[in-house]
């Protein structure tokens, strides 16, 4: 099973890379599969690649649900 998670683009880097943030963790990902990404956009990330731009509100809702699941798992 594959899973892509939404992440906010924090900064555009050189060579088609971006710095993204998910749950306070920052990571470099490739933007080679998505055009027109800017800092502040939300993208779906899978295996180190941004694969699609997503609506910011939908991304935030999804992240909230994932955080809720993580809290339930800890209980």
Protein backbone atom coordinates (compact mmCIF):
# COMPACT_ATOMS: atom_id res chain seq x y z
CA UNK A 1 0.00 0.00 0.00
CA UNK A 2 1.24 3.48 -0.83
CA UNK A 3 0.65 6.55 1.27
CA UNK A 4 1.08 10.18 0.30
CA UNK A 5 0.80 12.85 2.97
CA UNK A 6 0.16 16.57 2.61
CA UNK A 7 3.01 18.90 3.50
CA UNK A 8 3.56 22.63 3.37
CA UNK A 9 6.32 23.94 1.13
CA UNK A 10 8.50 26.08 3.37
CA UNK A 11 11.17 27.08 0.87
CA UNK A 12 12.09 26.49 -2.75
CA UNK A 13 15.65 25.22 -3.12
CA UNK A 14 17.98 24.82 -6.09
CA UNK A 15 17.85 21.96 -8.59
CA UNK A 16 14.07 21.46 -8.43
CA UNK A 17 13.97 20.71 -4.72
CA UNK A 18 11.85 22.14 -1.94
CA UNK A 19 12.01 22.15 1.83
CA UNK A 20 8.69 20.88 3.20
CA UNK A 21 7.33 20.56 6.71
CA UNK A 22 5.12 17.80 8.12
CA UNK A 23 4.29 17.82 11.81
CA UNK A 24 7.28 19.97 12.71
CA UNK A 25 9.69 17.81 10.70
CA UNK A 26 11.41 19.40 7.72
CA UNK A 27 12.69 17.47 4.74
CA UNK A 28 13.89 18.07 1.19
CA UNK A 29 11.71 16.67 -1.59
CA UNK A 30 11.83 16.78 -5.37
CA UNK A 31 9.39 18.99 -7.29
CA UNK A 32 10.17 17.40 -10.67
CA UNK A 33 6.64 15.93 -10.95
CA UNK A 34 4.69 19.12 -10.15
CA UNK A 35 4.72 22.49 -11.89
CA UNK A 36 4.10 25.91 -10.40
CA UNK A 37 4.80 25.15 -6.75
CA UNK A 38 5.58 28.13 -4.52
CA UNK A 39 6.48 28.57 -0.86
CA UNK A 40 3.28 28.31 1.19
CA UNK A 41 1.65 25.80 -1.15
CA UNK A 42 0.63 22.35 0.06
CA UNK A 43 1.68 19.27 -1.86
CA UNK A 44 1.14 15.53 -1.50
CA UNK A 45 4.47 13.86 -0.77
CA UNK A 46 5.31 10.24 -1.54
CA UNK A 47 8.74 8.61 -1.45
CA UNK A 48 10.61 11.93 -1.51
CA UNK A 49 8.60 13.46 -4.37
CA UNK A 50 5.84 16.05 -4.41
CA UNK A 51 3.25 14.39 -6.63
CA UNK A 52 0.39 16.92 -6.64
CA UNK A 53 -0.57 20.35 -5.35
CA UNK A 54 -3.52 20.22 -2.95
CA UNK A 55 -6.03 22.64 -1.48
CA UNK A 56 -4.60 24.15 1.73
CA UNK A 57 -7.79 23.67 3.75
CA UNK A 58 -8.10 20.01 2.71
CA UNK A 59 -4.42 19.48 3.53
CA UNK A 60 -4.90 20.95 7.02
CA UNK A 61 -7.96 18.77 7.64
CA UNK A 62 -6.04 15.66 6.59
CA UNK A 63 -3.10 16.56 8.82
CA UNK A 64 -5.46 17.09 11.78
CA UNK A 65 -6.96 13.62 11.22
CA UNK A 66 -3.50 12.03 11.02
CA UNK A 67 -2.49 13.77 14.26
CA UNK A 68 -5.67 12.53 15.95
CA UNK A 69 -4.92 8.96 14.87
CA UNK A 70 -1.38 9.29 16.27
CA UNK A 71 -2.75 10.48 19.63
CA UNK A 72 -5.22 7.57 19.75
CA UNK A 73 -2.41 5.12 18.98
CA UNK A 74 -0.37 6.51 21.89
CA UNK A 75 -3.26 6.06 24.35
